[in-house]
Amino acid sequence: MSGHAPEARAIDAQIARFEAYLRDERRRSPRTVSTYLRDLHALAAFVEAEGLPADAAALDVSALRTFLAQRFEAIGPSTMARKISALRSFYRFLHRRGMVASDPTARLRSPKVRAPLPRFLSAREASEVVEAPRGDLRRDEALRLRDAAMLELLYGTGVRVSELQGLDLAALDLEARSARVLGKGGKERVVPLGPPCVAALEAYVAVRSGLAAQAPASAGERDALFVGRRGRPLGVRQIQNVVRRYGALGAGRGDLHPHTLRHSCATHLLDGGADLRGIQELLGHASLSTTQRYTHVTVDRLMEAYDRAHPLARERGAGGA
C-alpha cells in the first residue's frame, strides 16, 4: 500500500471543499464549476503520476509550472490564462480557509491575452432577426410568439442566454415594463422593457398556458417563462437553436449566437448616446472595463466612416500634404 494514501485523500478533500464553495457560496454556474474541477482533477492526476505528495499544501510554484508545461503545452494563451485563473482561485480559497500556509500561485504569471472585440449585428440585421419569427409560417403560432418574445428580450435588454433561460413567469412586470433577472454570482437586477418587447411578451404570455398545459402533471417543473411544445422549460441549447434559426431566416446568419444579440444591444445603445455606466448596469457587468470594450468597437467604426467620407481623410489617402 502506498505511503501517500492519506495525502491522496487530502487533495481530493480540498477539491471537494472548493467545489462546494463555488456551488453553494459563490453560486457559480454548473458549467463554470465543471471547468474548474476539470483543471483541478488534472492537477491531482499529475501529482499522482509524478509521485508527489497529494496535498495542495505541499506543492510549490515550481511544481505548478511543471504541471502547466506538461499538461497544457499545446494550448493557446487565452486557455492557459483560464487554467492559471482556476489554480489561483483554488489556492486563494485554501489560503483564506487556513488549509495552506502560503499561495504559490502568487508567483505564477499569466500570458498576456488580448480580448477579442465583440461581434455584433448592424441595426438593420438585428431588426430583421427579431422580426423573422412573424414570417415563419411553417411554425405553430404559439412557438412563433414565444420565439419573437425571446429575441426581443435578448436584443432589447442584452440579457445573457443563461439569464433568459432562468426567467420565471413571476419575473415579469409588464405594467411596469420591467423584468427581474438573476445574473452571475446570483446577483439580481431589474432590466427595462421597451414597448416592442412588452407587446411581444404580452402576445406570448397570452398563449403560454396552452404550451405549459402539455407538461405532465407530475413533472414538478418550475414556472419557467419560456417553455417548449411539451410544456417543459427550454434549455440553453434549445434557445441557441432558436437564435440560429432566425439568424439564418432573417439575416442569413445561421451561426448567430445569443451573445451576439447581447453585444449588438450594447453597441447600438452606445451608438445612440447611452451612458456607459447605464449600459454596465443593464448588462450586469461587475466591472466597467468589460463594458468599455464596446467603446473600441464604436471608435473603430467611427474611424472607418471617417476614412471613407471625410475630405481630409481622402486627401491623406491620395498622398496630399
C-alpha atoms as a PDB file:
ATOM      1  CA  MET A   1       0.000   0.000   0.000  1.00  0.00           C
ATOM      2  CA  SER A   2       1.394   3.436  -0.936  1.00  0.00           C
ATOM      3  CA  GLY A   3       2.646   5.711   1.810  1.00  0.00           C
ATOM      4  CA  HIS A   4       0.814   8.589   0.107  1.00  0.00           C
ATOM      5  CA  ALA A   5      -2.710   7.142   0.551  1.00  0.00           C
ATOM      6  CA  PRO A   6      -3.818   9.586   3.299  1.00  0.00           C
ATOM      7  CA  GLU A   7      -2.335  12.511   1.328  1.00  0.00           C
ATOM      8  CA  ALA A   8      -4.253  11.480  -1.807  1.00  0.00           C
ATOM      9  CA  ARG A   9      -7.391  11.938   0.217  1.00  0.00           C
ATOM     10  CA  ALA A  10      -6.136  15.388   1.244  1.00  0.00           C
ATOM     11  CA  ILE A  11      -6.141  16.877  -2.256  1.00  0.00           C
ATOM     12  CA  ASP A  12      -9.445  15.182  -3.065  1.00  0.00           C
ATOM     13  CA  ALA A  13     -10.974  16.704   0.065  1.00  0.00           C
ATOM     14  CA  GLN A  14      -9.516  20.118  -0.790  1.00  0.00           C
ATOM     15  CA  ILE A  15     -11.021  19.996  -4.271  1.00  0.00           C
ATOM     16  CA  ALA A  16     -14.371  18.859  -2.850  1.00  0.00           C
ATOM     17  CA  ARG A  17     -14.380  21.770  -0.380  1.00  0.00           C
ATOM     18  CA  PHE A  18     -13.612  24.191  -3.207  1.00  0.00           C
ATOM     19  CA  GLU A  19     -16.391  22.691  -5.336  1.00  0.00           C
ATOM     20  CA  ALA A  20     -18.911  23.216  -2.518  1.00  0.00           C
ATOM     21  CA  TYR A  21     -17.679  26.801  -2.100  1.00  0.00           C
ATOM     22  CA  LEU A  22     -18.127  27.595  -5.798  1.00  0.00           C
ATOM     23  CA  ARG A  23     -21.539  25.972  -5.964  1.00  0.00           C
ATOM     24  CA  ASP A  24     -23.111  26.971  -2.634  1.00  0.00           C
ATOM     25  CA  GLU A  25     -21.406  30.224  -1.607  1.00  0.00           C
ATOM     26  CA  ARG A  26     -20.369  31.800  -4.894  1.00  0.00           C
ATOM     27  CA  ARG A  27     -23.332  30.285  -6.752  1.00  0.00           C
ATOM     28  CA  ARG A  28     -21.288  29.739  -9.884  1.00  0.00           C
ATOM     29  CA  SER A  29     -22.978  28.080 -12.848  1.00  0.00           C
ATOM     30  CA  PRO A  30     -22.640  24.280 -13.244  1.00  0.00           C
ATOM     31  CA  ARG A  31     -20.603  24.882 -16.387  1.00  0.00           C
ATOM     32  CA  THR A  32     -18.102  27.120 -14.554  1.00  0.00           C
ATOM     33  CA  VAL A  33     -17.800  24.648 -11.672  1.00  0.00           C
ATOM     34  CA  SER A  34     -17.227  21.805 -14.137  1.00  0.00           C
ATOM     35  CA  THR A  35     -14.476  23.774 -15.910  1.00  0.00           C
ATOM     36  CA  TYR A  36     -12.662  24.487 -12.627  1.00  0.00           C
ATOM     37  CA  LEU A  37     -12.947  20.871 -11.477  1.00  0.00           C
ATOM     38  CA  ARG A  38     -11.600  19.530 -14.767  1.00  0.00           C
ATOM     39  CA  ASP A  39      -8.392  21.541 -14.313  1.00  0.00           C
ATOM     40  CA  LEU A  40      -8.048  20.632 -10.628  1.00  0.00           C
ATOM     41  CA  HIS A  41      -8.607  16.929 -11.265  1.00  0.00           C
ATOM     42  CA  ALA A  42      -5.877  17.182 -13.909  1.00  0.00           C
ATOM     43  CA  LEU A  43      -3.628  18.619 -11.174  1.00  0.00           C
ATOM     44  CA  ALA A  44      -4.480  15.694  -8.871  1.00  0.00           C
ATOM     45  CA  ALA A  45      -3.676  13.221 -11.668  1.00  0.00           C
ATOM     46  CA  PHE A  46      -0.357  14.988 -12.332  1.00  0.00           C
ATOM     47  CA  VAL A  47       0.584  14.800  -8.647  1.00  0.00           C
ATOM     48  CA  GLU A  48      -0.119  11.058  -8.593  1.00  0.00           C
ATOM     49  CA  ALA A  49       1.795  10.420 -11.825  1.00  0.00           C
ATOM     50  CA  GLU A  50       4.836  12.345 -10.573  1.00  0.00           C
ATOM     51  CA  GLY A  51       4.821  10.651  -7.166  1.00  0.00           C
ATOM     52  CA  LEU A  52       4.412  13.983  -5.372  1.00  0.00           C
ATOM     53  CA  PRO A  53       2.642  14.354  -2.021  1.00  0.00           C
ATOM     54  CA  ALA A  54      -1.027  14.572  -2.956  1.00  0.00           C
ATOM     55  CA  ASP A  55      -1.753  17.607  -0.848  1.00  0.00           C
ATOM     56  CA  ALA A  56      -2.153  21.096  -2.314  1.00  0.00           C
ATOM     57  CA  ALA A  57      -0.238  22.470   0.674  1.00  0.00           C
ATOM     58  CA  ALA A  58       2.852  20.500  -0.383  1.00  0.00           C
ATOM     59  CA  LEU A  59       3.034  21.906  -3.919  1.00  0.00           C
ATOM     60  CA  ASP A  60       5.239  24.880  -4.716  1.00  0.00           C
ATOM     61  CA  VAL A  61       5.268  27.205  -7.705  1.00  0.00           C
ATOM     62  CA  SER A  62       7.847  25.015  -9.462  1.00  0.00           C
ATOM     63  CA  ALA A  63       5.516  22.007  -9.311  1.00  0.00           C
ATOM     64  CA  LEU A  64       2.632  24.090 -10.652  1.00  0.00           C
ATOM     65  CA  ARG A  65       4.760  25.393 -13.521  1.00  0.00           C
ATOM     66  CA  THR A  66       5.786  21.841 -14.415  1.00  0.00           C
ATOM     67  CA  PHE A  67       2.135  20.760 -14.308  1.00  0.00           C
ATOM     68  CA  LEU A  68       1.081  23.545 -16.670  1.00  0.00           C
ATOM     69  CA  ALA A  69       4.006  22.935 -19.029  1.00  0.00           C
ATOM     70  CA  GLN A  70       3.476  19.169 -19.237  1.00  0.00           C
ATOM     71  CA  ARG A  71      -0.294  19.005 -19.395  1.00  0.00           C
ATOM     72  CA  PHE A  72      -1.116  22.085 -21.458  1.00  0.00           C
ATOM     73  CA  GLU A  73       1.928  22.633 -23.658  1.00  0.00           C
ATOM     74  CA  ALA A  74      -0.009  22.981 -26.918  1.00  0.00           C
ATOM     75  CA  ILE A  75      -2.836  25.274 -25.787  1.00  0.00           C
ATOM     76  CA  GLY A  76      -3.222  28.938 -26.662  1.00  0.00           C
ATOM     77  CA  PRO A  77      -2.588  31.864 -24.305  1.00  0.00           C
ATOM     78  CA  SER A  78      -6.251  32.502 -23.523  1.00  0.00           C
ATOM     79  CA  THR A  79      -6.836  28.872 -22.492  1.00  0.00           C
ATOM     80  CA  MET A  80      -3.637  28.860 -20.433  1.00  0.00           C
ATOM     81  CA  ALA A  81      -4.744  32.064 -18.702  1.00  0.00           C
ATOM     82  CA  ARG A  82      -8.062  30.418 -17.771  1.00  0.00           C
ATOM     83  CA  LYS A  83      -6.296  27.390 -16.302  1.00  0.00           C
ATOM     84  CA  ILE A  84      -3.970  29.586 -14.251  1.00  0.00           C
ATOM     85  CA  SER A  85      -7.031  31.507 -13.075  1.00  0.00           C
ATOM     86  CA  ALA A  86      -8.594  28.229 -11.881  1.00  0.00           C
ATOM     87  CA  LEU A  87      -5.441  27.391  -9.904  1.00  0.00           C
ATOM     88  CA  ARG A  88      -5.352  30.887  -8.402  1.00  0.00           C
ATOM     89  CA  SER A  89      -8.980  30.699  -7.301  1.00  0.00           C
ATOM     90  CA  PHE A  90      -8.364  27.281  -5.745  1.00  0.00           C
ATOM     91  CA  TYR A  91      -5.289  28.367  -3.798  1.00  0.00           C
ATOM     92  CA  ARG A  92      -6.797  31.656  -2.669  1.00  0.00           C
ATOM     93  CA  PHE A  93      -9.719  29.707  -1.255  1.00  0.00           C
ATOM     94  CA  LEU A  94      -7.394  27.278   0.528  1.00  0.00           C
ATOM     95  CA  HIS A  95      -5.263  30.128   1.897  1.00  0.00           C
ATOM     96  CA  ARG A  96      -8.271  32.059   3.221  1.00  0.00           C
ATOM     97  CA  ARG A  97      -9.535  28.911   4.924  1.00  0.00           C
ATOM     98  CA  GLY A  98      -6.149  28.201   6.517  1.00  0.00           C
ATOM     99  CA  MET A  99      -5.669  24.991   4.543  1.00  0.00           C
ATOM    100  CA  VAL A 100      -2.344  26.135   3.029  1.00  0.00           C
ATOM    101  CA  ALA A 101       0.296  28.332   4.660  1.00  0.00           C
ATOM    102  CA  SER A 102       1.053  30.325   1.508  1.00  0.00           C
ATOM    103  CA  ASP A 103      -0.275  30.792  -2.014  1.00  0.00           C
ATOM    104  CA  PRO A 104       2.219  29.564  -4.646  1.00  0.00           C
ATOM    105  CA  THR A 105       0.080  30.905  -7.498  1.00  0.00           C
ATOM    106  CA  ALA A 106       1.038  34.453  -6.475  1.00  0.00           C
ATOM    107  CA  ARG A 107       4.278  33.809  -8.382  1.00  0.00           C
ATOM    108  CA  LEU A 108       2.596  32.399 -11.496  1.00  0.00           C
ATOM    109  CA  ARG A 109       2.498  34.779 -14.445  1.00  0.00           C
ATOM    110  CA  SER A 110      -0.428  34.618 -16.835  1.00  0.00           C
ATOM    111  CA  PRO A 111       0.203  35.050 -20.571  1.00  0.00           C
ATOM    112  CA  LYS A 112      -0.993  38.320 -22.000  1.00  0.00           C
ATOM    113  CA  VAL A 113      -4.299  37.862 -23.762  1.00  0.00           C
ATOM    114  CA  ARG A 114      -5.859  40.479 -25.956  1.00  0.00           C
ATOM    115  CA  ALA A 115      -9.619  40.289 -25.572  1.00  0.00           C
ATOM    116  CA  PRO A 116     -11.302  39.974 -28.972  1.00  0.00           C
ATOM    117  CA  LEU A 117     -13.659  42.775 -29.873  1.00  0.00           C
ATOM    118  CA  PRO A 118     -17.303  41.738 -29.572  1.00  0.00           C
ATOM    119  CA  ARG A 119     -19.068  40.651 -32.739  1.00  0.00           C
ATOM    120  CA  PHE A 120     -22.355  42.378 -33.400  1.00  0.00           C
ATOM    121  CA  LEU A 121     -25.101  42.833 -35.975  1.00  0.00           C
ATOM    122  CA  SER A 122     -25.925  46.041 -37.766  1.00  0.00           C
ATOM    123  CA  ALA A 123     -29.142  47.702 -36.606  1.00  0.00           C
ATOM    124  CA  ARG A 124     -30.833  46.535 -39.806  1.00  0.00           C
ATOM    125  CA  GLU A 125     -29.675  42.932 -39.356  1.00  0.00           C
ATOM    126  CA  ALA A 126     -30.822  42.914 -35.722  1.00  0.00           C
ATOM    127  CA  SER A 127     -34.242  44.192 -36.760  1.00  0.00           C
ATOM    128  CA  GLU A 128     -34.503  41.516 -39.462  1.00  0.00           C
ATOM    129  CA  VAL A 129     -33.637  38.767 -36.979  1.00  0.00           C
ATOM    130  CA  VAL A 130     -36.119  39.995 -34.365  1.00  0.00           C
ATOM    131  CA  GLU A 131     -38.882  40.270 -36.986  1.00  0.00           C
ATOM    132  CA  ALA A 132     -38.148  36.878 -38.573  1.00  0.00           C
ATOM    133  CA  PRO A 133     -40.484  34.718 -36.392  1.00  0.00           C
ATOM    134  CA  ARG A 134     -43.521  36.669 -37.591  1.00  0.00           C
ATOM    135  CA  GLY A 135     -42.945  35.424 -41.129  1.00  0.00           C
ATOM    136  CA  ASP A 136     -42.070  31.846 -40.177  1.00  0.00           C
ATOM    137  CA  LEU A 137     -45.432  30.379 -41.184  1.00  0.00           C
ATOM    138  CA  ARG A 138     -44.205  26.775 -41.027  1.00  0.00           C
ATOM    139  CA  ARG A 139     -44.034  27.110 -37.238  1.00  0.00           C
ATOM    140  CA  ASP A 140     -47.014  26.923 -34.843  1.00  0.00           C
ATOM    141  CA  GLU A 141     -48.335  30.325 -33.836  1.00  0.00           C
ATOM    142  CA  ALA A 142     -47.613  29.772 -30.131  1.00  0.00           C
ATOM    143  CA  LEU A 143     -43.985  28.909 -30.901  1.00  0.00           C
ATOM    144  CA  ARG A 144     -43.629  31.887 -33.236  1.00  0.00           C
ATOM    145  CA  LEU A 145     -44.920  34.196 -30.496  1.00  0.00           C
ATOM    146  CA  ARG A 146     -42.582  32.586 -27.980  1.00  0.00           C
ATOM    147  CA  ASP A 147     -39.584  32.911 -30.289  1.00  0.00           C
ATOM    148  CA  ALA A 148     -40.403  36.544 -31.064  1.00  0.00           C
ATOM    149  CA  ALA A 149     -40.574  37.328 -27.333  1.00  0.00           C
ATOM    150  CA  MET A 150     -37.219  35.622 -26.709  1.00  0.00           C
ATOM    151  CA  LEU A 151     -35.500  37.544 -29.490  1.00  0.00           C
ATOM    152  CA  GLU A 152     -36.996  40.847 -28.315  1.00  0.00           C
ATOM    153  CA  LEU A 153     -35.647  40.178 -24.817  1.00  0.00           C
ATOM    154  CA  LEU A 154     -32.196  39.100 -25.981  1.00  0.00           C
ATOM    155  CA  TYR A 155     -31.694  42.097 -28.251  1.00  0.00           C
ATOM    156  CA  GLY A 156     -33.818  44.630 -26.358  1.00  0.00           C
ATOM    157  CA  THR A 157     -32.292  44.061 -22.913  1.00  0.00           C
ATOM    158  CA  GLY A 158     -28.963  42.356 -23.647  1.00  0.00           C
ATOM    159  CA  VAL A 159     -29.619  39.538 -21.171  1.00  0.00           C
ATOM    160  CA  ARG A 160     -27.342  36.505 -21.268  1.00  0.00           C
ATOM    161  CA  VAL A 161     -28.814  33.276 -22.644  1.00  0.00           C
ATOM    162  CA  SER A 162     -28.484  31.650 -19.198  1.00  0.00           C
ATOM    163  CA  GLU A 163     -30.395  34.570 -17.671  1.00  0.00           C
ATOM    164  CA  LEU A 164     -33.143  34.251 -20.263  1.00  0.00           C
ATOM    165  CA  GLN A 165     -33.371  30.513 -19.660  1.00  0.00           C
ATOM    166  CA  GLY A 166     -33.669  31.129 -15.901  1.00  0.00           C
ATOM    167  CA  LEU A 167     -36.570  33.594 -16.130  1.00  0.00           C
ATOM    168  CA  ASP A 168     -39.786  32.569 -14.403  1.00  0.00           C
ATOM    169  CA  LEU A 169     -43.205  33.946 -15.254  1.00  0.00           C
ATOM    170  CA  ALA A 170     -43.234  35.873 -11.966  1.00  0.00           C
ATOM    171  CA  ALA A 171     -40.097  37.785 -13.031  1.00  0.00           C
ATOM    172  CA  LEU A 172     -42.159  39.857 -15.471  1.00  0.00           C
ATOM    173  CA  ASP A 173     -43.921  43.080 -14.545  1.00  0.00           C
ATOM    174  CA  LEU A 174     -45.392  44.136 -17.857  1.00  0.00           C
ATOM    175  CA  GLU A 175     -47.310  47.052 -16.347  1.00  0.00           C
ATOM    176  CA  ALA A 176     -44.056  48.490 -15.012  1.00  0.00           C
ATOM    177  CA  ARG A 177     -42.277  47.453 -18.248  1.00  0.00           C
ATOM    178  CA  SER A 178     -39.543  45.592 -16.397  1.00  0.00           C
ATOM    179  CA  ALA A 179     -38.185  42.131 -15.629  1.00  0.00           C
ATOM    180  CA  ARG A 180     -36.133  40.782 -12.726  1.00  0.00           C
ATOM    181  CA  VAL A 181     -33.058  38.923 -13.967  1.00  0.00           C
ATOM    182  CA  LEU A 182     -30.787  36.659 -11.914  1.00  0.00           C
ATOM    183  CA  GLY A 183     -27.271  37.233 -13.204  1.00  0.00           C
ATOM    184  CA  LYS A 184     -23.792  35.916 -12.496  1.00  0.00           C
ATOM    185  CA  GLY A 185     -22.996  35.206  -8.870  1.00  0.00           C
ATOM    186  CA  GLY A 186     -26.692  35.167  -8.006  1.00  0.00           C
ATOM    187  CA  LYS A 187     -26.943  38.948  -8.372  1.00  0.00           C
ATOM    188  CA  GLU A 188     -30.416  40.180  -9.256  1.00  0.00           C
ATOM    189  CA  ARG A 189     -31.027  43.218 -11.427  1.00  0.00           C
ATOM    190  CA  VAL A 190     -34.065  44.832 -12.999  1.00  0.00           C
ATOM    191  CA  VAL A 191     -33.998  45.441 -16.747  1.00  0.00           C
ATOM    192  CA  PRO A 192     -36.363  47.829 -18.553  1.00  0.00           C
ATOM    193  CA  LEU A 193     -38.549  46.546 -21.374  1.00  0.00           C
ATOM    194  CA  GLY A 194     -39.210  48.688 -24.435  1.00  0.00           C
ATOM    195  CA  PRO A 195     -42.694  48.868 -25.997  1.00  0.00           C
ATOM    196  CA  PRO A 196     -41.940  46.277 -28.747  1.00  0.00           C
ATOM    197  CA  CYS A 197     -40.615  43.868 -26.121  1.00  0.00           C
ATOM    198  CA  VAL A 198     -43.660  44.375 -23.881  1.00  0.00           C
ATOM    199  CA  ALA A 199     -46.001  43.800 -26.835  1.00  0.00           C
ATOM    200  CA  ALA A 200     -44.167  40.604 -27.816  1.00  0.00           C
ATOM    201  CA  LEU A 201     -44.240  39.307 -24.237  1.00  0.00           C
ATOM    202  CA  GLU A 202     -47.935  40.097 -23.835  1.00  0.00           C
ATOM    203  CA  ALA A 203     -48.726  38.189 -27.022  1.00  0.00           C
ATOM    204  CA  TYR A 204     -46.659  35.199 -25.892  1.00  0.00           C
ATOM    205  CA  VAL A 205     -47.944  35.127 -22.297  1.00  0.00           C
ATOM    206  CA  ALA A 206     -51.498  35.012 -23.689  1.00  0.00           C
ATOM    207  CA  VAL A 207     -50.750  31.655 -25.366  1.00  0.00           C
ATOM    208  CA  ARG A 208     -48.124  30.290 -22.970  1.00  0.00           C
ATOM    209  CA  SER A 209     -50.674  28.470 -20.813  1.00  0.00           C
ATOM    210  CA  GLY A 210     -51.595  26.328 -23.808  1.00  0.00           C
ATOM    211  CA  LEU A 211     -47.984  25.179 -24.110  1.00  0.00           C
ATOM    212  CA  ALA A 212     -47.457  24.786 -20.354  1.00  0.00           C
ATOM    213  CA  ALA A 213     -50.566  22.589 -20.117  1.00  0.00           C
ATOM    214  CA  GLN A 214     -48.796  19.940 -22.232  1.00  0.00           C
ATOM    215  CA  ALA A 215     -46.358  19.143 -19.399  1.00  0.00           C
ATOM    216  CA  PRO A 216     -47.172  16.009 -17.339  1.00  0.00           C
ATOM    217  CA  ALA A 217     -48.966  16.856 -14.092  1.00  0.00           C
ATOM    218  CA  SER A 218     -46.244  15.102 -12.086  1.00  0.00           C
ATOM    219  CA  ALA A 219     -43.368  16.916 -13.778  1.00  0.00           C
ATOM    220  CA  GLY A 220     -42.908  19.344 -10.889  1.00  0.00           C
ATOM    221  CA  GLU A 221     -41.137  21.854 -13.111  1.00  0.00           C
ATOM    222  CA  ARG A 222     -40.576  25.472 -12.124  1.00  0.00           C
ATOM    223  CA  ASP A 223     -42.920  28.049 -13.651  1.00  0.00           C
ATOM    224  CA  ALA A 224     -40.465  28.902 -16.423  1.00  0.00           C
ATOM    225  CA  LEU A 225     -41.317  31.805 -18.700  1.00  0.00           C
ATOM    226  CA  PHE A 226     -40.167  30.069 -21.861  1.00  0.00           C
ATOM    227  CA  VAL A 227     -41.379  26.520 -22.443  1.00  0.00           C
ATOM    228  CA  GLY A 228     -41.349  24.085 -25.336  1.00  0.00           C
ATOM    229  CA  ARG A 229     -44.204  22.469 -27.222  1.00  0.00           C
ATOM    230  CA  ARG A 230     -44.438  19.814 -24.478  1.00  0.00           C
ATOM    231  CA  GLY A 231     -44.626  22.386 -21.710  1.00  0.00           C
ATOM    232  CA  ARG A 232     -41.152  21.810 -20.273  1.00  0.00           C
ATOM    233  CA  PRO A 233     -38.722  24.695 -19.628  1.00  0.00           C
ATOM    234  CA  LEU A 234     -36.459  25.403 -22.583  1.00  0.00           C
ATOM    235  CA  GLY A 235     -32.790  24.595 -22.136  1.00  0.00           C
ATOM    236  CA  VAL A 236     -29.908  26.841 -23.177  1.00  0.00           C
ATOM    237  CA  ARG A 237     -29.189  24.652 -26.220  1.00  0.00           C
ATOM    238  CA  GLN A 238     -32.793  24.951 -27.407  1.00  0.00           C
ATOM    239  CA  ILE A 239     -32.665  28.741 -27.093  1.00  0.00           C
ATOM    240  CA  GLN A 240     -29.418  28.799 -29.060  1.00  0.00           C
ATOM    241  CA  ASN A 241     -31.091  26.737 -31.795  1.00  0.00           C
ATOM    242  CA  VAL A 242     -33.963  29.237 -31.971  1.00  0.00           C
ATOM    243  CA  VAL A 243     -31.494  32.113 -32.363  1.00  0.00           C
ATOM    244  CA  ARG A 244     -29.624  30.272 -35.119  1.00  0.00           C
ATOM    245  CA  ARG A 245     -32.908  29.510 -36.896  1.00  0.00           C
ATOM    246  CA  TYR A 246     -33.917  33.152 -37.086  1.00  0.00           C
ATOM    247  CA  GLY A 247     -30.386  34.349 -37.679  1.00  0.00           C
ATOM    248  CA  ALA A 248     -30.496  32.294 -40.876  1.00  0.00           C
ATOM    249  CA  LEU A 249     -34.060  33.233 -41.836  1.00  0.00           C
ATOM    250  CA  GLY A 250     -33.781  36.920 -41.038  1.00  0.00           C
ATOM    251  CA  ALA A 251     -30.219  37.903 -41.851  1.00  0.00           C
ATOM    252  CA  GLY A 252     -28.565  34.912 -43.497  1.00  0.00           C
ATOM    253  CA  ARG A 253     -26.567  34.309 -40.306  1.00  0.00           C
ATOM    254  CA  GLY A 254     -27.008  30.630 -39.462  1.00  0.00           C
ATOM    255  CA  ASP A 255     -24.151  30.843 -36.959  1.00  0.00           C
ATOM    256  CA  LEU A 256     -25.816  33.577 -34.903  1.00  0.00           C
ATOM    257  CA  HIS A 257     -25.328  33.173 -31.140  1.00  0.00           C
ATOM    258  CA  PRO A 258     -27.423  34.754 -28.355  1.00  0.00           C
ATOM    259  CA  HIS A 259     -24.307  36.562 -27.120  1.00  0.00           C
ATOM    260  CA  THR A 260     -24.075  38.353 -30.465  1.00  0.00           C
ATOM    261  CA  LEU A 261     -27.510  39.852 -29.771  1.00  0.00           C
ATOM    262  CA  ARG A 262     -26.228  40.949 -26.345  1.00  0.00           C
ATOM    263  CA  HIS A 263     -23.200  42.591 -27.973  1.00  0.00           C
ATOM    264  CA  SER A 264     -25.453  44.204 -30.578  1.00  0.00           C
ATOM    265  CA  CYS A 265     -27.708  45.634 -27.867  1.00  0.00           C
ATOM    266  CA  ALA A 266     -24.746  47.247 -26.087  1.00  0.00           C
ATOM    267  CA  THR A 267     -23.134  48.558 -29.279  1.00  0.00           C
ATOM    268  CA  HIS A 268     -26.346  50.105 -30.598  1.00  0.00           C
ATOM    269  CA  LEU A 269     -27.098  51.718 -27.219  1.00  0.00           C
ATOM    270  CA  LEU A 270     -23.627  53.253 -27.199  1.00  0.00           C
ATOM    271  CA  ASP A 271     -24.057  54.419 -30.788  1.00  0.00           C
ATOM    272  CA  GLY A 272     -27.300  56.082 -29.714  1.00  0.00           C
ATOM    273  CA  GLY A 273     -25.586  58.051 -26.963  1.00  0.00           C
ATOM    274  CA  ALA A 274     -26.373  55.877 -23.930  1.00  0.00           C
ATOM    275  CA  ASP A 275     -24.224  56.361 -20.832  1.00  0.00           C
ATOM    276  CA  LEU A 276     -21.532  53.708 -20.317  1.00  0.00           C
ATOM    277  CA  ARG A 277     -22.493  53.243 -16.652  1.00  0.00           C
ATOM    278  CA  GLY A 278     -26.106  52.690 -17.635  1.00  0.00           C
ATOM    279  CA  ILE A 279     -25.072  50.034 -20.148  1.00  0.00           C
ATOM    280  CA  GLN A 280     -22.937  48.392 -17.450  1.00  0.00           C
ATOM    281  CA  GLU A 281     -25.959  48.159 -15.136  1.00  0.00           C
ATOM    282  CA  LEU A 282     -28.222  46.890 -17.910  1.00  0.00           C
ATOM    283  CA  LEU A 283     -25.813  44.107 -18.891  1.00  0.00           C
ATOM    284  CA  GLY A 284     -24.913  43.188 -15.315  1.00  0.00           C
ATOM    285  CA  HIS A 285     -21.172  43.698 -15.787  1.00  0.00           C
ATOM    286  CA  ALA A 286     -19.260  43.642 -12.499  1.00  0.00           C
ATOM    287  CA  SER A 287     -16.515  45.826 -13.971  1.00  0.00           C
ATOM    288  CA  LEU A 288     -16.814  48.914 -16.150  1.00  0.00           C
ATOM    289  CA  SER A 289     -13.743  47.749 -18.086  1.00  0.00           C
ATOM    290  CA  THR A 290     -15.828  44.891 -19.520  1.00  0.00           C
ATOM    291  CA  THR A 291     -18.387  47.378 -20.816  1.00  0.00           C
ATOM    292  CA  GLN A 292     -15.647  49.633 -22.195  1.00  0.00           C
ATOM    293  CA  ARG A 293     -14.862  47.034 -24.870  1.00  0.00           C
ATOM    294  CA  TYR A 294     -17.841  48.393 -26.766  1.00  0.00           C
ATOM    295  CA  THR A 295     -16.233  51.831 -26.985  1.00  0.00           C
ATOM    296  CA  HIS A 296     -13.418  50.253 -29.018  1.00  0.00           C
ATOM    297  CA  VAL A 297     -15.985  48.833 -31.425  1.00  0.00           C
ATOM    298  CA  THR A 298     -17.701  52.176 -31.933  1.00  0.00           C
ATOM    299  CA  VAL A 299     -14.393  54.077 -32.259  1.00  0.00           C
ATOM    300  CA  ASP A 300     -13.209  51.595 -34.898  1.00  0.00           C
ATOM    301  CA  ARG A 301     -16.455  52.078 -36.815  1.00  0.00           C
ATOM    302  CA  LEU A 302     -16.161  55.846 -36.494  1.00  0.00           C
ATOM    303  CA  MET A 303     -12.635  55.764 -37.937  1.00  0.00           C
ATOM    304  CA  GLU A 304     -13.781  53.597 -40.846  1.00  0.00           C
ATOM    305  CA  ALA A 305     -16.592  56.048 -41.599  1.00  0.00           C
ATOM    306  CA  TYR A 306     -14.141  58.961 -41.313  1.00  0.00           C
ATOM    307  CA  ASP A 307     -11.700  57.336 -43.724  1.00  0.00           C
ATOM    308  CA  ARG A 308     -14.500  56.713 -46.220  1.00  0.00           C
ATOM    309  CA  ALA A 309     -16.241  60.065 -46.032  1.00  0.00           C
ATOM    310  CA  HIS A 310     -14.092  62.883 -44.658  1.00  0.00           C
ATOM    311  CA  PRO A 311     -12.361  65.078 -47.290  1.00  0.00           C
ATOM    312  CA  LEU A 312      -9.140  65.306 -45.275  1.00  0.00           C
ATOM    313  CA  ALA A 313      -9.003  61.534 -44.949  1.00  0.00           C
ATOM    314  CA  ARG A 314      -9.329  61.184 -48.723  1.00  0.00           C
ATOM    315  CA  GLU A 315      -6.594  63.770 -49.308  1.00  0.00           C
ATOM    316  CA  ARG A 316      -4.197  61.921 -46.998  1.00  0.00           C
ATOM    317  CA  GLY A 317      -5.040  58.647 -48.687  1.00  0.00           C
ATOM    318  CA  ALA A 318      -4.141  60.232 -52.047  1.00  0.00           C
ATOM    319  CA  GLY A 319      -0.802  61.404 -50.707  1.00  0.00           C
ATOM    320  CA  GLY A 320      -1.802  65.033 -50.125  1.00  0.00           C
ATOM    321  CA  ALA A 321       0.010  67.151 -47.541  1.00  0.00           C
END
